[in-house]
Amino acid sequence: MTDDPNLRYNDLLEITRLPLSIASAECMKADLDPGFAGPGFAGPGFAENDFFENEMLMNININHKAPEFTLHDENGNDVSLKGLKGKLVVLYFYPRADTPGCTIEACSFRDTYKQIQKTGAVLLGISPDTPKAQKKFQEKFKLPFSLLADADKKVAEAYGVVQEKNMYGKKVMGIARTTFVIGPDGKIQHIFPKVKPEGHAVEVLAYLKESAKGAS
């Protein structure tokens, strides 16, 4: 295999796929809640990237400096990217807390969290929700990582993940499910665009393991 962790990660996914039985039973019990659909956003049942008309146009790319941010977590505490300098950060954007796809994705990260920790990475979820909604989501599914509240979508916009969707012919704006791996130097190390909830945590873990090998 090549020494490039990005290429080795892709090779690994081609060679073997880990079982994707991550979405545990309770993750599938998330109910559709029309109340989550805010102005200009698709309803929770339509939060998947399948509804994006065009390829994602990212504001940033690999090796670009990651946009700085300071946001409240689920407990109302400030979390800043600057405060995580020197650490590998996995920042995953999701459309809405406690909606079906987002629950599957969050639970899969929960179930692989200990392995992700062993790679030295810090995992952060982020969505246009309030700290209260994030706290409820975290407690309901026993999520062991922090969830950041980007209610005004300013951080999402800075990372280029606010995208136009086409829902039954109506154009709406929503969050494109995207994961960024930010290196200890504060630069974008890897981007997972147009993420599918099922098995995404396994993909991220595979990348982190390969990246760790390349760094050793």
Protein backbone atom coordinates (compact mmCIF):
# COMPACT_ATOMS: atom_id res chain seq x y z
CA MET A 1 0.00 0.00 0.00
CA THR A 2 1.01 3.63 -0.48
CA ASP A 3 2.38 5.68 2.44
CA ASP A 4 -0.32 8.33 1.91
CA PRO A 5 -2.92 7.73 4.69
CA ASN A 6 -5.75 9.04 2.48
CA LEU A 7 -4.91 6.56 -0.28
CA ARG A 8 -4.26 3.72 2.16
CA TYR A 9 -7.63 4.43 3.76
CA ASN A 10 -9.34 4.09 0.37
CA ASP A 11 -7.40 0.88 -0.31
CA LEU A 12 -8.49 -0.50 3.04
CA LEU A 13 -12.17 0.16 2.31
CA GLU A 14 -11.83 -1.64 -1.01
CA ILE A 15 -10.14 -4.66 0.56
CA THR A 16 -12.49 -5.16 3.48
CA ARG A 17 -15.74 -3.77 4.81
CA LEU A 18 -16.45 -4.16 8.49
CA PRO A 19 -19.95 -5.33 9.44
CA LEU A 20 -22.31 -2.38 9.49
CA SER A 21 -24.53 -3.65 12.29
CA ILE A 22 -23.84 -0.49 14.23
CA ALA A 23 -27.32 1.01 14.32
CA SER A 24 -28.55 -0.63 17.51
CA ALA A 25 -32.24 -1.19 18.15
CA GLU A 26 -32.80 1.96 20.19
CA CYS A 27 -31.23 4.06 17.43
CA MET A 28 -33.98 2.99 15.06
CA LYS A 29 -36.73 4.13 17.44
CA ALA A 30 -36.26 7.85 16.73
CA ASP A 31 -39.62 9.30 15.76
CA LEU A 32 -40.22 11.82 13.02
CA ASP A 33 -40.95 15.18 14.62
CA PRO A 34 -42.27 17.89 12.27
CA GLY A 35 -41.37 20.46 14.90
CA PHE A 36 -37.71 20.14 13.94
CA ALA A 37 -38.26 21.72 10.54
CA GLY A 38 -37.17 25.32 10.90
CA PRO A 39 -37.51 28.12 8.33
CA GLY A 40 -35.65 27.26 5.18
CA PHE A 41 -34.87 23.74 6.35
CA ALA A 42 -36.15 20.43 5.10
CA GLY A 43 -38.12 18.39 7.62
CA PRO A 44 -36.28 15.70 9.59
CA GLY A 45 -37.51 12.95 7.32
CA PHE A 46 -35.67 14.63 4.46
CA ALA A 47 -32.38 15.40 6.17
CA GLU A 48 -30.31 13.07 4.03
CA ASN A 49 -27.90 14.24 1.34
CA ASP A 50 -29.84 12.41 -1.39
CA PHE A 51 -31.87 15.57 -1.89
CA PHE A 52 -28.96 17.83 -2.80
CA GLU A 53 -29.25 18.96 -6.40
CA ASN A 54 -25.60 19.72 -7.07
CA GLU A 55 -22.22 18.44 -5.99
CA MET A 56 -21.14 20.11 -2.78
CA LEU A 57 -19.20 23.31 -3.26
CA MET A 58 -16.86 23.43 -0.30
CA ASN A 59 -15.46 26.72 0.97
CA ILE A 60 -12.39 24.87 2.20
CA ASN A 61 -10.35 21.91 1.10
CA ILE A 62 -7.61 19.62 2.37
CA ASN A 63 -4.60 21.52 3.73
CA HIS A 64 -6.65 24.69 4.18
CA LYS A 65 -6.74 26.24 7.64
CA ALA A 66 -9.89 25.11 9.43
CA PRO A 67 -12.24 28.01 10.27
CA GLU A 68 -12.03 28.95 13.93
CA PHE A 69 -15.12 28.69 16.11
CA THR A 70 -16.31 28.94 19.67
CA LEU A 71 -19.67 27.34 20.44
CA HIS A 72 -21.66 26.14 23.43
CA ASP A 73 -21.75 22.40 23.97
CA GLU A 74 -24.73 20.48 25.36
CA ASN A 75 -23.92 21.77 28.86
CA GLY A 76 -23.59 25.40 27.81
CA ASN A 77 -19.80 25.34 28.09
CA ASP A 78 -17.66 27.02 25.44
CA VAL A 79 -15.70 24.77 23.10
CA SER A 80 -13.24 26.40 20.73
CA LEU A 81 -11.11 24.97 17.96
CA LYS A 82 -8.22 27.09 19.23
CA GLY A 83 -8.45 25.28 22.55
CA LEU A 84 -7.95 21.96 20.77
CA LYS A 85 -4.76 22.99 19.00
CA GLY A 86 -2.25 20.15 18.98
CA LYS A 87 -5.00 17.53 18.88
CA LEU A 88 -6.59 15.61 16.02
CA VAL A 89 -10.23 16.67 15.77
CA VAL A 90 -13.11 14.88 14.05
CA LEU A 91 -15.85 17.45 13.47
CA TYR A 92 -19.03 15.95 12.02
CA PHE A 93 -21.92 18.12 10.84
CA TYR A 94 -25.42 16.65 10.99
CA PRO A 95 -28.80 18.25 10.08
CA ARG A 96 -30.87 17.90 13.28
CA ALA A 97 -30.62 16.25 16.67
CA ASP A 98 -32.83 13.24 17.40
CA THR A 99 -33.95 12.65 13.81
CA PRO A 100 -33.65 9.18 12.24
CA GLY A 101 -30.52 9.53 10.11
CA CYS A 102 -28.75 11.69 12.67
CA THR A 103 -29.57 9.19 15.40
CA ILE A 104 -28.14 6.29 13.40
CA GLU A 105 -24.97 8.29 12.74
CA ALA A 106 -24.59 9.43 16.35
CA CYS A 107 -25.15 5.94 17.73
CA SER A 108 -22.59 4.50 15.35
CA PHE A 109 -20.05 7.03 16.62
CA ARG A 110 -21.07 6.09 20.16
CA ASP A 111 -20.45 2.42 19.47
CA THR A 112 -16.99 3.08 18.00
CA TYR A 113 -16.07 5.89 20.39
CA LYS A 114 -13.59 3.95 22.53
CA GLN A 115 -11.71 2.85 19.42
CA ILE A 116 -11.73 6.41 18.08
CA GLN A 117 -10.32 7.63 21.41
CA LYS A 118 -7.45 5.14 21.11
CA THR A 119 -6.35 6.92 17.92
CA GLY A 120 -5.97 10.13 19.94
CA ALA A 121 -8.76 11.95 18.10
CA VAL A 122 -11.30 14.28 19.71
CA LEU A 123 -14.83 13.67 18.37
CA LEU A 124 -17.31 16.55 18.15
CA GLY A 125 -20.80 16.57 16.67
CA ILE A 126 -22.29 19.86 15.46
CA SER A 127 -25.76 20.84 14.23
CA PRO A 128 -28.09 23.88 14.08
CA ASP A 129 -29.68 23.01 17.43
CA THR A 130 -29.75 24.62 20.86
CA PRO A 131 -27.64 23.33 23.77
CA LYS A 132 -30.87 22.10 25.37
CA ALA A 133 -31.77 20.02 22.30
CA GLN A 134 -28.23 18.65 22.14
CA LYS A 135 -28.34 17.70 25.82
CA LYS A 136 -31.63 15.86 25.36
CA PHE A 137 -30.23 14.03 22.33
CA GLN A 138 -27.03 13.12 24.16
CA GLU A 139 -28.82 11.78 27.22
CA LYS A 140 -31.48 9.89 25.26
CA PHE A 141 -28.89 7.83 23.37
CA LYS A 142 -26.06 7.93 25.94
CA LEU A 143 -23.65 9.67 23.58
CA PRO A 144 -20.19 9.92 25.21
CA PHE A 145 -18.93 12.85 23.12
CA SER A 146 -19.72 16.56 22.99
CA LEU A 147 -22.40 18.04 20.74
CA LEU A 148 -21.97 21.65 19.67
CA ALA A 149 -24.88 24.07 19.20
CA ASP A 150 -24.60 26.03 15.94
CA ALA A 151 -28.13 27.42 16.04
CA ASP A 152 -27.42 30.35 13.72
CA LYS A 153 -25.51 28.07 11.30
CA LYS A 154 -22.54 30.48 11.20
CA VAL A 155 -20.00 27.70 11.65
CA ALA A 156 -21.80 25.52 9.13
CA GLU A 157 -21.62 28.37 6.65
CA ALA A 158 -17.92 28.91 7.36
CA TYR A 159 -17.27 25.24 6.56
CA GLY A 160 -19.44 25.38 3.43
CA VAL A 161 -21.98 22.77 4.48
CA VAL A 162 -25.15 24.88 4.19
CA GLN A 163 -26.41 23.69 0.82
CA GLU A 164 -29.50 23.94 -1.35
CA LYS A 165 -31.79 20.91 -1.42
CA ASN A 166 -34.66 20.01 -3.70
CA MET A 167 -37.56 18.51 -1.77
CA TYR A 168 -40.51 17.60 -4.00
CA GLY A 169 -39.58 20.42 -6.36
CA LYS A 170 -39.21 22.99 -3.59
CA LYS A 171 -35.76 24.46 -3.01
CA VAL A 172 -34.77 24.66 0.65
CA MET A 173 -31.49 25.18 2.48
CA GLY A 174 -30.13 22.53 4.78
CA ILE A 175 -27.00 21.05 6.32
CA ALA A 176 -25.05 18.70 4.08
CA ARG A 177 -23.96 15.80 6.26
CA THR A 178 -20.17 16.23 6.23
CA THR A 179 -17.23 15.22 8.42
CA PHE A 180 -13.91 17.06 8.68
CA VAL A 181 -10.73 15.67 10.16
CA ILE A 182 -8.66 18.60 11.46
CA GLY A 183 -4.98 17.99 12.11
CA PRO A 184 -3.01 19.08 15.18
CA ASP A 185 -1.73 22.02 13.10
CA GLY A 186 -5.28 23.32 12.65
CA LYS A 187 -5.44 22.42 8.96
CA ILE A 188 -8.03 20.25 7.23
CA GLN A 189 -6.52 16.79 6.94
CA HIS A 190 -9.44 14.92 5.38
CA ILE A 191 -13.05 15.57 4.30
CA PHE A 192 -15.91 13.07 4.14
CA PRO A 193 -18.55 14.77 1.92
CA LYS A 194 -22.13 13.63 1.29
CA VAL A 195 -22.01 11.24 4.23
CA LYS A 196 -24.47 8.38 4.60
CA PRO A 197 -25.36 7.72 8.26
CA GLU A 198 -25.05 3.94 8.12
CA GLY A 199 -21.46 2.83 8.65
CA HIS A 200 -19.93 6.29 8.55
CA ALA A 201 -18.27 5.91 11.95
CA VAL A 202 -16.54 2.76 10.67
CA GLU A 203 -15.20 4.74 7.71
CA VAL A 204 -13.90 7.46 10.00
CA LEU A 205 -12.30 4.93 12.34
CA ALA A 206 -10.61 3.18 9.40
CA TYR A 207 -9.19 6.49 8.22
CA LEU A 208 -7.95 7.44 11.69
CA LYS A 209 -6.20 4.09 12.12
CA GLU A 210 -4.47 4.39 8.77
CA SER A 211 -3.53 7.98 9.46
CA ALA A 212 -2.02 6.96 12.81
CA LYS A 213 0.08 4.30 11.06
CA GLY A 214 1.37 6.90 8.62
CA ALA A 215 2.34 9.21 11.47
CA SER A 216 4.24 6.53 13.38
